[in-house]
Amino acid sequence: VYGTAGAVAMLTLMPRRRLPVLTYLGTGSMYIYVIHALLVDGTGFRETAWYHGIDTVPEMLGLMGLAVVGALALGSPPVRWVARWLIQPRYSWPFRDEVPETPPLGKVRA
């Protein structure tokens, strides 16, 4: 029941027209998702005294503002260009350019 209510709530919030900023961030969402996890876990941000000391509304708003700015930065063109090999690797190496010739059925190659 709660999942259905959440899905309906999200659908009511979806814009009916194309919004350039949201569309651009949506196409880069995998970059934001993967790189933020590497940064937050790799830098030890969750173990800092500042993070554990957040208990006021201004501090929480500051953290949310930092998250928004971080998402915008991680979805930017330079970050996408640098991290494309990690997020969207090319898989051309396992495929051949030409298909080898096969003999007809029942015939043996000489």
PDB file of N, CA and C in Angstrom:
ATOM      1  N   VAL A   1       0.829  -1.188   0.000  1.00  0.00           N
ATOM      2  CA  VAL A   1       0.000   0.000   0.000  1.00  0.00           C
ATOM      3  C   VAL A   1       0.869   1.246   0.000  1.00  0.00           C
ATOM      4  N   TYR A   2       1.897   1.294   0.855  1.00  0.00           N
ATOM      5  CA  TYR A   2       2.751   2.467   0.935  1.00  0.00           C
ATOM      6  C   TYR A   2       3.577   2.649  -0.340  1.00  0.00           C
ATOM      7  N   GLY A   3       3.989   1.554  -0.937  1.00  0.00           N
ATOM      8  CA  GLY A   3       4.733   1.643  -2.186  1.00  0.00           C
ATOM      9  C   GLY A   3       3.887   2.215  -3.305  1.00  0.00           C
ATOM     10  N   THR A   4       2.646   1.795  -3.380  1.00  0.00           N
ATOM     11  CA  THR A   4       1.734   2.322  -4.396  1.00  0.00           C
ATOM     12  C   THR A   4       1.481   3.805  -4.161  1.00  0.00           C
ATOM     13  N   ALA A   5       1.279   4.190  -2.923  1.00  0.00           N
ATOM     14  CA  ALA A   5       1.062   5.599  -2.609  1.00  0.00           C
ATOM     15  C   ALA A   5       2.293   6.431  -2.962  1.00  0.00           C
ATOM     16  N   GLY A   6       3.473   5.895  -2.692  1.00  0.00           N
ATOM     17  CA  GLY A   6       4.698   6.606  -3.054  1.00  0.00           C
ATOM     18  C   GLY A   6       4.863   6.742  -4.557  1.00  0.00           C
ATOM     19  N   ALA A   7       4.526   5.692  -5.290  1.00  0.00           N
ATOM     20  CA  ALA A   7       4.634   5.752  -6.749  1.00  0.00           C
ATOM     21  C   ALA A   7       3.649   6.757  -7.329  1.00  0.00           C
ATOM     22  N   VAL A   8       2.436   6.778  -6.821  1.00  0.00           N
ATOM     23  CA  VAL A   8       1.447   7.751  -7.296  1.00  0.00           C
ATOM     24  C   VAL A   8       1.886   9.165  -6.942  1.00  0.00           C
ATOM     25  N   ALA A   9       2.448   9.356  -5.767  1.00  0.00           N
ATOM     26  CA  ALA A   9       2.937  10.680  -5.373  1.00  0.00           C
ATOM     27  C   ALA A   9       4.058  11.146  -6.298  1.00  0.00           C
ATOM     28  N   MET A  10       4.966  10.250  -6.664  1.00  0.00           N
ATOM     29  CA  MET A  10       6.051  10.619  -7.585  1.00  0.00           C
ATOM     30  C   MET A  10       5.507  10.962  -8.964  1.00  0.00           C
ATOM     31  N   LEU A  11       4.523  10.226  -9.429  1.00  0.00           N
ATOM     32  CA  LEU A  11       3.950  10.514 -10.738  1.00  0.00           C
ATOM     33  C   LEU A  11       3.241  11.860 -10.761  1.00  0.00           C
ATOM     34  N   THR A  12       2.643  12.258  -9.659  1.00  0.00           N
ATOM     35  CA  THR A  12       1.990  13.568  -9.628  1.00  0.00           C
ATOM     36  C   THR A  12       2.999  14.703  -9.608  1.00  0.00           C
ATOM     37  N   LEU A  13       4.209  14.432  -9.151  1.00  0.00           N
ATOM     38  CA  LEU A  13       5.247  15.463  -9.117  1.00  0.00           C
ATOM     39  C   LEU A  13       6.015  15.580 -10.425  1.00  0.00           C
ATOM     40  N   MET A  14       5.873  14.626 -11.323  1.00  0.00           N
ATOM     41  CA  MET A  14       6.614  14.647 -12.584  1.00  0.00           C
ATOM     42  C   MET A  14       6.128  15.805 -13.459  1.00  0.00           C
ATOM     43  N   PRO A  15       7.042  16.594 -14.011  1.00  0.00           N
ATOM     44  CA  PRO A  15       6.612  17.701 -14.872  1.00  0.00           C
ATOM     45  C   PRO A  15       6.048  17.174 -16.190  1.00  0.00           C
ATOM     46  N   ARG A  16       5.092  17.911 -16.741  1.00  0.00           N
ATOM     47  CA  ARG A  16       4.465  17.516 -17.998  1.00  0.00           C
ATOM     48  C   ARG A  16       5.285  17.940 -19.200  1.00  0.00           C
ATOM     49  N   ARG A  17       6.190  18.865 -19.022  1.00  0.00           N
ATOM     50  CA  ARG A  17       7.022  19.321 -20.128  1.00  0.00           C
ATOM     51  C   ARG A  17       8.489  19.069 -19.793  1.00  0.00           C
ATOM     52  N   ARG A  18       9.319  19.252 -20.781  1.00  0.00           N
ATOM     53  CA  ARG A  18      10.747  18.995 -20.616  1.00  0.00           C
ATOM     54  C   ARG A  18      11.403  20.173 -19.904  1.00  0.00           C
ATOM     55  N   LEU A  19      12.106  19.895 -18.805  1.00  0.00           N
ATOM     56  CA  LEU A  19      12.860  20.907 -18.083  1.00  0.00           C
ATOM     57  C   LEU A  19      14.343  20.628 -18.325  1.00  0.00           C
ATOM     58  N   PRO A  20      15.051  21.545 -19.003  1.00  0.00           N
ATOM     59  CA  PRO A  20      16.435  21.246 -19.421  1.00  0.00           C
ATOM     60  C   PRO A  20      17.372  20.825 -18.295  1.00  0.00           C
ATOM     61  N   VAL A  21      17.310  21.492 -17.152  1.00  0.00           N
ATOM     62  CA  VAL A  21      18.238  21.151 -16.062  1.00  0.00           C
ATOM     63  C   VAL A  21      17.935  19.758 -15.526  1.00  0.00           C
ATOM     64  N   LEU A  22      16.670  19.465 -15.276  1.00  0.00           N
ATOM     65  CA  LEU A  22      16.314  18.147 -14.751  1.00  0.00           C
ATOM     66  C   LEU A  22      16.561  17.048 -15.772  1.00  0.00           C
ATOM     67  N   THR A  23      16.316  17.345 -17.042  1.00  0.00           N
ATOM     68  CA  THR A  23      16.565  16.348 -18.079  1.00  0.00           C
ATOM     69  C   THR A  23      18.057  16.042 -18.177  1.00  0.00           C
ATOM     70  N   TYR A  24      18.884  17.081 -18.119  1.00  0.00           N
ATOM     71  CA  TYR A  24      20.326  16.874 -18.204  1.00  0.00           C
ATOM     72  C   TYR A  24      20.835  16.090 -16.992  1.00  0.00           C
ATOM     73  N   LEU A  25      20.358  16.441 -15.802  1.00  0.00           N
ATOM     74  CA  LEU A  25      20.777  15.697 -14.606  1.00  0.00           C
ATOM     75  C   LEU A  25      20.253  14.266 -14.639  1.00  0.00           C
ATOM     76  N   GLY A  26      19.080  14.071 -15.211  1.00  0.00           N
ATOM     77  CA  GLY A  26      18.532  12.719 -15.322  1.00  0.00           C
ATOM     78  C   GLY A  26      19.379  11.836 -16.214  1.00  0.00           C
ATOM     79  N   THR A  27      19.913  12.404 -17.303  1.00  0.00           N
ATOM     80  CA  THR A  27      20.763  11.605 -18.181  1.00  0.00           C
ATOM     81  C   THR A  27      22.114  11.308 -17.540  1.00  0.00           C
ATOM     82  N   GLY A  28      22.519  12.120 -16.588  1.00  0.00           N
ATOM     83  CA  GLY A  28      23.790  11.883 -15.902  1.00  0.00           C
ATOM     84  C   GLY A  28      23.619  11.280 -14.527  1.00  0.00           C
ATOM     85  N   SER A  29      22.445  10.740 -14.230  1.00  0.00           N
ATOM     86  CA  SER A  29      22.182  10.252 -12.877  1.00  0.00           C
ATOM     87  C   SER A  29      23.080   9.078 -12.491  1.00  0.00           C
ATOM     88  N   MET A  30      23.479   8.252 -13.449  1.00  0.00           N
ATOM     89  CA  MET A  30      24.354   7.134 -13.111  1.00  0.00           C
ATOM     90  C   MET A  30      25.738   7.641 -12.698  1.00  0.00           C
ATOM     91  N   TYR A  31      26.206   8.713 -13.332  1.00  0.00           N
ATOM     92  CA  TYR A  31      27.478   9.313 -12.931  1.00  0.00           C
ATOM     93  C   TYR A  31      27.376   9.820 -11.495  1.00  0.00           C
ATOM     94  N   ILE A  32      26.298  10.536 -11.193  1.00  0.00           N
ATOM     95  CA  ILE A  32      26.105  11.090  -9.851  1.00  0.00           C
ATOM     96  C   ILE A  32      26.023   9.964  -8.828  1.00  0.00           C
ATOM     97  N   TYR A  33      25.278   8.927  -9.139  1.00  0.00           N
ATOM     98  CA  TYR A  33      25.066   7.820  -8.201  1.00  0.00           C
ATOM     99  C   TYR A  33      26.368   7.085  -7.891  1.00  0.00           C
ATOM    100  N   VAL A  34      27.113   6.727  -8.920  1.00  0.00           N
ATOM    101  CA  VAL A  34      28.323   5.926  -8.708  1.00  0.00           C
ATOM    102  C   VAL A  34      29.444   6.759  -8.092  1.00  0.00           C
ATOM    103  N   ILE A  35      29.682   7.949  -8.620  1.00  0.00           N
ATOM    104  CA  ILE A  35      30.823   8.741  -8.149  1.00  0.00           C
ATOM    105  C   ILE A  35      30.587   9.269  -6.741  1.00  0.00           C
ATOM    106  N   HIS A  36      29.343   9.625  -6.401  1.00  0.00           N
ATOM    107  CA  HIS A  36      29.114  10.125  -5.040  1.00  0.00           C
ATOM    108  C   HIS A  36      29.394   9.030  -4.012  1.00  0.00           C
ATOM    109  N   ALA A  37      29.048   7.803  -4.342  1.00  0.00           N
ATOM    110  CA  ALA A  37      29.314   6.717  -3.401  1.00  0.00           C
ATOM    111  C   ALA A  37      30.823   6.531  -3.210  1.00  0.00           C
ATOM    112  N   LEU A  38      31.570   6.633  -4.298  1.00  0.00           N
ATOM    113  CA  LEU A  38      33.024   6.517  -4.183  1.00  0.00           C
ATOM    114  C   LEU A  38      33.610   7.658  -3.354  1.00  0.00           C
ATOM    115  N   LEU A  39      33.105   8.862  -3.550  1.00  0.00           N
ATOM    116  CA  LEU A  39      33.624  10.008  -2.803  1.00  0.00           C
ATOM    117  C   LEU A  39      33.247   9.956  -1.326  1.00  0.00           C
ATOM    118  N   VAL A  40      31.987   9.684  -1.032  1.00  0.00           N
ATOM    119  CA  VAL A  40      31.542   9.691   0.366  1.00  0.00           C
ATOM    120  C   VAL A  40      32.205   8.569   1.151  1.00  0.00           C
ATOM    121  N   ASP A  41      32.264   7.384   0.574  1.00  0.00           N
ATOM    122  CA  ASP A  41      32.888   6.267   1.283  1.00  0.00           C
ATOM    123  C   ASP A  41      34.409   6.354   1.274  1.00  0.00           C
ATOM    124  N   GLY A  42      34.973   6.836   0.185  1.00  0.00           N
ATOM    125  CA  GLY A  42      36.428   6.897   0.066  1.00  0.00           C
ATOM    126  C   GLY A  42      37.076   7.976   0.909  1.00  0.00           C
ATOM    127  N   THR A  43      36.363   9.078   1.144  1.00  0.00           N
ATOM    128  CA  THR A  43      36.949  10.177   1.914  1.00  0.00           C
ATOM    129  C   THR A  43      36.674  10.066   3.403  1.00  0.00           C
ATOM    130  N   GLY A  44      35.791   9.175   3.795  1.00  0.00           N
ATOM    131  CA  GLY A  44      35.468   9.047   5.214  1.00  0.00           C
ATOM    132  C   GLY A  44      34.593  10.186   5.722  1.00  0.00           C
ATOM    133  N   PHE A  45      33.796  10.782   4.844  1.00  0.00           N
ATOM    134  CA  PHE A  45      32.955  11.920   5.223  1.00  0.00           C
ATOM    135  C   PHE A  45      31.969  11.566   6.325  1.00  0.00           C
ATOM    136  N   ARG A  46      31.458  10.368   6.312  1.00  0.00           N
ATOM    137  CA  ARG A  46      30.468   9.975   7.317  1.00  0.00           C
ATOM    138  C   ARG A  46      31.082   9.755   8.696  1.00  0.00           C
ATOM    139  N   GLU A  47      32.384   9.698   8.788  1.00  0.00           N
ATOM    140  CA  GLU A  47      33.040   9.522  10.085  1.00  0.00           C
ATOM    141  C   GLU A  47      33.520  10.835  10.680  1.00  0.00           C
ATOM    142  N   THR A  48      33.284  11.967  10.010  1.00  0.00           N
ATOM    143  CA  THR A  48      33.774  13.243  10.516  1.00  0.00           C
ATOM    144  C   THR A  48      32.933  13.717  11.690  1.00  0.00           C
ATOM    145  N   ALA A  49      33.537  14.540  12.537  1.00  0.00           N
ATOM    146  CA  ALA A  49      32.827  15.078  13.697  1.00  0.00           C
ATOM    147  C   ALA A  49      31.709  16.015  13.241  1.00  0.00           C
ATOM    148  N   TRP A  50      31.928  16.730  12.156  1.00  0.00           N
ATOM    149  CA  TRP A  50      30.884  17.648  11.658  1.00  0.00           C
ATOM    150  C   TRP A  50      29.640  16.871  11.247  1.00  0.00           C
ATOM    151  N   TYR A  51      29.837  15.780  10.556  1.00  0.00           N
ATOM    152  CA  TYR A  51      28.696  14.983  10.091  1.00  0.00           C
ATOM    153  C   TYR A  51      27.916  14.409  11.264  1.00  0.00           C
ATOM    154  N   HIS A  52      28.603  13.923  12.275  1.00  0.00           N
ATOM    155  CA  HIS A  52      27.921  13.346  13.436  1.00  0.00           C
ATOM    156  C   HIS A  52      27.332  14.416  14.346  1.00  0.00           C
ATOM    157  N   GLY A  53      27.793  15.650  14.204  1.00  0.00           N
ATOM    158  CA  GLY A  53      27.297  16.734  15.047  1.00  0.00           C
ATOM    159  C   GLY A  53      26.127  17.492  14.461  1.00  0.00           C
ATOM    160  N   ILE A  54      25.616  17.068  13.310  1.00  0.00           N
ATOM    161  CA  ILE A  54      24.489  17.774  12.693  1.00  0.00           C
ATOM    162  C   ILE A  54      23.239  17.531  13.526  1.00  0.00           C
ATOM    163  N   ASP A  55      22.707  18.612  14.126  1.00  0.00           N
ATOM    164  CA  ASP A  55      21.488  18.462  14.916  1.00  0.00           C
ATOM    165  C   ASP A  55      20.595  19.691  14.857  1.00  0.00           C
ATOM    166  N   THR A  56      20.942  20.685  14.068  1.00  0.00           N
ATOM    167  CA  THR A  56      20.095  21.867  13.934  1.00  0.00           C
ATOM    168  C   THR A  56      19.582  21.977  12.502  1.00  0.00           C
ATOM    169  N   VAL A  57      18.544  22.761  12.352  1.00  0.00           N
ATOM    170  CA  VAL A  57      17.951  22.949  11.026  1.00  0.00           C
ATOM    171  C   VAL A  57      18.932  23.622  10.058  1.00  0.00           C
ATOM    172  N   PRO A  58      19.647  24.681  10.457  1.00  0.00           N
ATOM    173  CA  PRO A  58      20.605  25.280   9.507  1.00  0.00           C
ATOM    174  C   PRO A  58      21.706  24.302   9.066  1.00  0.00           C
ATOM    175  N   GLU A  59      22.164  23.462   9.966  1.00  0.00           N
ATOM    176  CA  GLU A  59      23.184  22.480   9.592  1.00  0.00           C
ATOM    177  C   GLU A  59      22.620  21.461   8.609  1.00  0.00           C
ATOM    178  N   MET A  60      21.374  21.027   8.828  1.00  0.00           N
ATOM    179  CA  MET A  60      20.733  20.080   7.917  1.00  0.00           C
ATOM    180  C   MET A  60      20.513  20.726   6.550  1.00  0.00           C
ATOM    181  N   LEU A  61      20.085  21.978   6.524  1.00  0.00           N
ATOM    182  CA  LEU A  61      19.917  22.689   5.254  1.00  0.00           C
ATOM    183  C   LEU A  61      21.265  22.854   4.544  1.00  0.00           C
ATOM    184  N   GLY A  62      22.309  23.090   5.316  1.00  0.00           N
ATOM    185  CA  GLY A  62      23.646  23.175   4.735  1.00  0.00           C
ATOM    186  C   GLY A  62      24.078  21.864   4.099  1.00  0.00           C
ATOM    187  N   LEU A  63      23.782  20.759   4.772  1.00  0.00           N
ATOM    188  CA  LEU A  63      24.114  19.443   4.223  1.00  0.00           C
ATOM    189  C   LEU A  63      23.321  19.174   2.947  1.00  0.00           C
ATOM    190  N   MET A  64      22.044  19.539   2.943  1.00  0.00           N
ATOM    191  CA  MET A  64      21.239  19.343   1.738  1.00  0.00           C
ATOM    192  C   MET A  64      21.731  20.242   0.602  1.00  0.00           C
ATOM    193  N   GLY A  65      22.124  21.469   0.927  1.00  0.00           N
ATOM    194  CA  GLY A  65      22.692  22.350  -0.092  1.00  0.00           C
ATOM    195  C   GLY A  65      23.993  21.788  -0.650  1.00  0.00           C
ATOM    196  N   LEU A  66      24.826  21.233   0.227  1.00  0.00           N
ATOM    197  CA  LEU A  66      26.063  20.594  -0.219  1.00  0.00           C
ATOM    198  C   LEU A  66      25.772  19.413  -1.132  1.00  0.00           C
ATOM    199  N   ALA A  67      24.722  18.667  -0.827  1.00  0.00           N
ATOM    200  CA  ALA A  67      24.349  17.524  -1.668  1.00  0.00           C
ATOM    201  C   ALA A  67      23.882  17.989  -3.046  1.00  0.00           C
ATOM    202  N   VAL A  68      23.112  19.059  -3.096  1.00  0.00           N
ATOM    203  CA  VAL A  68      22.633  19.570  -4.388  1.00  0.00           C
ATOM    204  C   VAL A  68      23.795  20.092  -5.225  1.00  0.00           C
ATOM    205  N   VAL A  69      24.670  20.870  -4.610  1.00  0.00           N
ATOM    206  CA  VAL A  69      25.837  21.393  -5.332  1.00  0.00           C
ATOM    207  C   VAL A  69      26.737  20.249  -5.786  1.00  0.00           C
ATOM    208  N   GLY A  70      26.902  19.250  -4.935  1.00  0.00           N
ATOM    209  CA  GLY A  70      27.710  18.092  -5.314  1.00  0.00           C
ATOM    210  C   GLY A  70      27.109  17.329  -6.479  1.00  0.00           C
ATOM    211  N   ALA A  71      25.786  17.168  -6.481  1.00  0.00           N
ATOM    212  CA  ALA A  71      25.119  16.473  -7.591  1.00  0.00           C
ATOM    213  C   ALA A  71      25.286  17.262  -8.887  1.00  0.00           C
ATOM    214  N   LEU A  72      25.152  18.577  -8.811  1.00  0.00           N
ATOM    215  CA  LEU A  72      25.352  19.404 -10.009  1.00  0.00           C
ATOM    216  C   LEU A  72      26.785  19.289 -10.521  1.00  0.00           C
ATOM    217  N   ALA A  73      27.729  19.255  -9.613  1.00  0.00           N
ATOM    218  CA  ALA A  73      29.128  19.134 -10.025  1.00  0.00           C
ATOM    219  C   ALA A  73      29.424  17.763 -10.629  1.00  0.00           C
ATOM    220  N   LEU A  74      28.895  16.705 -10.021  1.00  0.00           N
ATOM    221  CA  LEU A  74      29.153  15.356 -10.533  1.00  0.00           C
ATOM    222  C   LEU A  74      28.429  15.079 -11.842  1.00  0.00           C
ATOM    223  N   GLY A  75      27.381  15.825 -12.135  1.00  0.00           N
ATOM    224  CA  GLY A  75      26.681  15.674 -13.399  1.00  0.00           C
ATOM    225  C   GLY A  75      27.176  16.614 -14.484  1.00  0.00           C
ATOM    226  N   SER A  76      28.234  17.375 -14.204  1.00  0.00           N
ATOM    227  CA  SER A  76      28.742  18.364 -15.163  1.00  0.00           C
ATOM    228  C   SER A  76      29.507  17.688 -16.304  1.00  0.00           C
ATOM    229  N   PRO A  77      29.602  18.357 -17.450  1.00  0.00           N
ATOM    230  CA  PRO A  77      30.297  17.760 -18.608  1.00  0.00           C
ATOM    231  C   PRO A  77      31.747  17.354 -18.345  1.00  0.00           C
ATOM    232  N   PRO A  78      32.566  18.142 -17.620  1.00  0.00           N
ATOM    233  CA  PRO A  78      33.948  17.688 -17.404  1.00  0.00           C
ATOM    234  C   PRO A  78      34.026  16.382 -16.609  1.00  0.00           C
ATOM    235  N   VAL A  79      33.182  16.232 -15.596  1.00  0.00           N
ATOM    236  CA  VAL A  79      33.202  15.003 -14.791  1.00  0.00           C
ATOM    237  C   VAL A  79      32.719  13.824 -15.625  1.00  0.00           C
ATOM    238  N   ARG A  80      31.709  14.045 -16.450  1.00  0.00           N
ATOM    239  CA  ARG A  80      31.235  12.969 -17.326  1.00  0.00           C
ATOM    240  C   ARG A  80      32.314  12.542 -18.304  1.00  0.00           C
ATOM    241  N   TRP A  81      33.049  13.512 -18.827  1.00  0.00           N
ATOM    242  CA  TRP A  81      34.101  13.187 -19.801  1.00  0.00           C
ATOM    243  C   TRP A  81      35.205  12.366 -19.141  1.00  0.00           C
ATOM    244  N   VAL A  82      35.590  12.752 -17.930  1.00  0.00           N
ATOM    245  CA  VAL A  82      36.674  12.055 -17.228  1.00  0.00           C
ATOM    246  C   VAL A  82      36.245  10.653 -16.791  1.00  0.00           C
ATOM    247  N   ALA A  83      35.001  10.493 -16.354  1.00  0.00           N
ATOM    248  CA  ALA A  83      34.561   9.222 -15.778  1.00  0.00           C
ATOM    249  C   ALA A  83      33.807   8.332 -16.758  1.00  0.00           C
ATOM    250  N   ARG A  84      33.769   8.698 -18.026  1.00  0.00           N
ATOM    251  CA  ARG A  84      33.014   7.902 -19.000  1.00  0.00           C
ATOM    252  C   ARG A  84      33.534   6.468 -19.083  1.00  0.00           C
ATOM    253  N   TRP A  85      34.835   6.259 -18.932  1.00  0.00           N
ATOM    254  CA  TRP A  85      35.397   4.907 -19.019  1.00  0.00           C
ATOM    255  C   TRP A  85      34.879   4.012 -17.898  1.00  0.00           C
ATOM    256  N   LEU A  86      34.527   4.621 -16.745  1.00  0.00           N
ATOM    257  CA  LEU A  86      34.037   3.842 -15.608  1.00  0.00           C
ATOM    258  C   LEU A  86      32.524   3.593 -15.696  1.00  0.00           C
ATOM    259  N   ILE A  87      31.782   4.595 -16.100  1.00  0.00           N
ATOM    260  CA  ILE A  87      30.325   4.513 -16.086  1.00  0.00           C
ATOM    261  C   ILE A  87      29.775   3.904 -17.369  1.00  0.00           C
ATOM    262  N   GLN A  88      30.347   4.273 -18.513  1.00  0.00           N
ATOM    263  CA  GLN A  88      29.872   3.768 -19.801  1.00  0.00           C
ATOM    264  C   GLN A  88      31.038   3.168 -20.590  1.00  0.00           C
ATOM    265  N   PRO A  89      31.563   2.043 -20.159  1.00  0.00           N
ATOM    266  CA  PRO A  89      32.704   1.460 -20.874  1.00  0.00           C
ATOM    267  C   PRO A  89      32.294   0.960 -22.253  1.00  0.00           C
ATOM    268  N   ARG A  90      33.240   0.978 -23.159  1.00  0.00           N
ATOM    269  CA  ARG A  90      32.994   0.461 -24.509  1.00  0.00           C
ATOM    270  C   ARG A  90      33.269  -1.030 -24.520  1.00  0.00           C
ATOM    271  N   TYR A  91      32.399  -1.760 -25.164  1.00  0.00           N
ATOM    272  CA  TYR A  91      32.543  -3.205 -25.234  1.00  0.00           C
ATOM    273  C   TYR A  91      32.815  -3.656 -26.655  1.00  0.00           C
ATOM    274  N   SER A  92      33.655  -2.947 -27.358  1.00  0.00           N
ATOM    275  CA  SER A  92      33.946  -3.339 -28.729  1.00  0.00           C
ATOM    276  C   SER A  92      35.040  -4.407 -28.790  1.00  0.00           C
ATOM    277  N   TRP A  93      35.837  -4.528 -27.738  1.00  0.00           N
ATOM    278  CA  TRP A  93      36.961  -5.465 -27.787  1.00  0.00           C
ATOM    279  C   TRP A  93      36.549  -6.932 -27.885  1.00  0.00           C
ATOM    280  N   PRO A  94      35.401  -7.390 -27.341  1.00  0.00           N
ATOM    281  CA  PRO A  94      35.121  -8.820 -27.491  1.00  0.00           C
ATOM    282  C   PRO A  94      34.473  -9.183 -28.825  1.00  0.00           C
ATOM    283  N   PHE A  95      34.170  -8.196 -29.640  1.00  0.00           N
ATOM    284  CA  PHE A  95      33.472  -8.465 -30.890  1.00  0.00           C
ATOM    285  C   PHE A  95      34.417  -8.307 -32.074  1.00  0.00           C
ATOM    286  N   ARG A  96      34.276  -9.186 -33.047  1.00  0.00           N
ATOM    287  CA  ARG A  96      35.101  -9.115 -34.253  1.00  0.00           C
ATOM    288  C   ARG A  96      34.478  -8.153 -35.245  1.00  0.00           C
ATOM    289  N   ASP A  97      35.331  -7.553 -36.051  1.00  0.00           N
ATOM    290  CA  ASP A  97      34.830  -6.672 -37.101  1.00  0.00           C
ATOM    291  C   ASP A  97      34.242  -7.467 -38.253  1.00  0.00           C
ATOM    292  N   GLU A  98      34.819  -8.647 -38.509  1.00  0.00           N
ATOM    293  CA  GLU A  98      34.347  -9.472 -39.618  1.00  0.00           C
ATOM    294  C   GLU A  98      33.955 -10.850 -39.096  1.00  0.00           C
ATOM    295  N   VAL A  99      32.939 -11.412 -39.693  1.00  0.00           N
ATOM    296  CA  VAL A  99      32.492 -12.748 -39.326  1.00  0.00           C
ATOM    297  C   VAL A  99      33.277 -13.749 -40.170  1.00  0.00           C
ATOM    298  N   PRO A 100      33.882 -14.774 -39.557  1.00  0.00           N
ATOM    299  CA  PRO A 100      34.629 -15.748 -40.355  1.00  0.00           C
ATOM    300  C   PRO A 100      33.693 -16.530 -41.274  1.00  0.00           C
ATOM    301  N   GLU A 101      34.227 -16.916 -42.407  1.00  0.00           N
ATOM    302  CA  GLU A 101      33.430 -17.660 -43.374  1.00  0.00           C
ATOM    303  C   GLU A 101      33.176 -19.069 -42.843  1.00  0.00           C
ATOM    304  N   THR A 102      31.952 -19.516 -42.936  1.00  0.00           N
ATOM    305  CA  THR A 102      31.601 -20.860 -42.472  1.00  0.00           C
ATOM    306  C   THR A 102      31.284 -21.736 -43.668  1.00  0.00           C
ATOM    307  N   PRO A 103      31.656 -23.013 -43.597  1.00  0.00           N
ATOM    308  CA  PRO A 103      31.356 -23.900 -44.716  1.00  0.00           C
ATOM    309  C   PRO A 103      29.879 -24.223 -44.770  1.00  0.00           C
ATOM    310  N   PRO A 104      29.363 -24.609 -45.939  1.00  0.00           N
ATOM    311  CA  PRO A 104      27.947 -25.013 -46.019  1.00  0.00           C
ATOM    312  C   PRO A 104      27.721 -26.261 -45.177  1.00  0.00           C
ATOM    313  N   LEU A 105      26.496 -26.499 -44.804  1.00  0.00           N
ATOM    314  CA  LEU A 105      26.162 -27.641 -43.978  1.00  0.00           C
ATOM    315  C   LEU A 105      26.503 -28.949 -44.717  1.00  0.00           C
ATOM    316  N   GLY A 106      27.087 -29.883 -44.010  1.00  0.00           N
ATOM    317  CA  GLY A 106      27.420 -31.184 -44.576  1.00  0.00           C
ATOM    318  C   GLY A 106      28.729 -31.207 -45.355  1.00  0.00           C
ATOM    319  N   LYS A 107      29.360 -30.117 -45.566  1.00  0.00           N
ATOM    320  CA  LYS A 107      30.627 -30.058 -46.302  1.00  0.00           C
ATOM    321  C   LYS A 107      31.782 -29.927 -45.322  1.00  0.00           C
ATOM    322  N   VAL A 108      32.890 -30.489 -45.664  1.00  0.00           N
ATOM    323  CA  VAL A 108      34.079 -30.396 -44.839  1.00  0.00           C
ATOM    324  C   VAL A 108      35.064 -29.494 -45.539  1.00  0.00           C
ATOM    325  N   ARG A 109      35.668 -28.624 -44.784  1.00  0.00           N
ATOM    326  CA  ARG A 109      36.671 -27.724 -45.351  1.00  0.00           C
ATOM    327  C   ARG A 109      37.919 -28.501 -45.696  1.00  0.00           C
ATOM    328  N   ALA A 110      38.485 -28.191 -46.850  1.00  0.00           N
ATOM    329  CA  ALA A 110      39.704 -28.869 -47.266  1.00  0.00           C
ATOM    330  C   ALA A 110      40.934 -28.161 -46.812  1.00  0.00           C
TER     331      ALA A 110
END
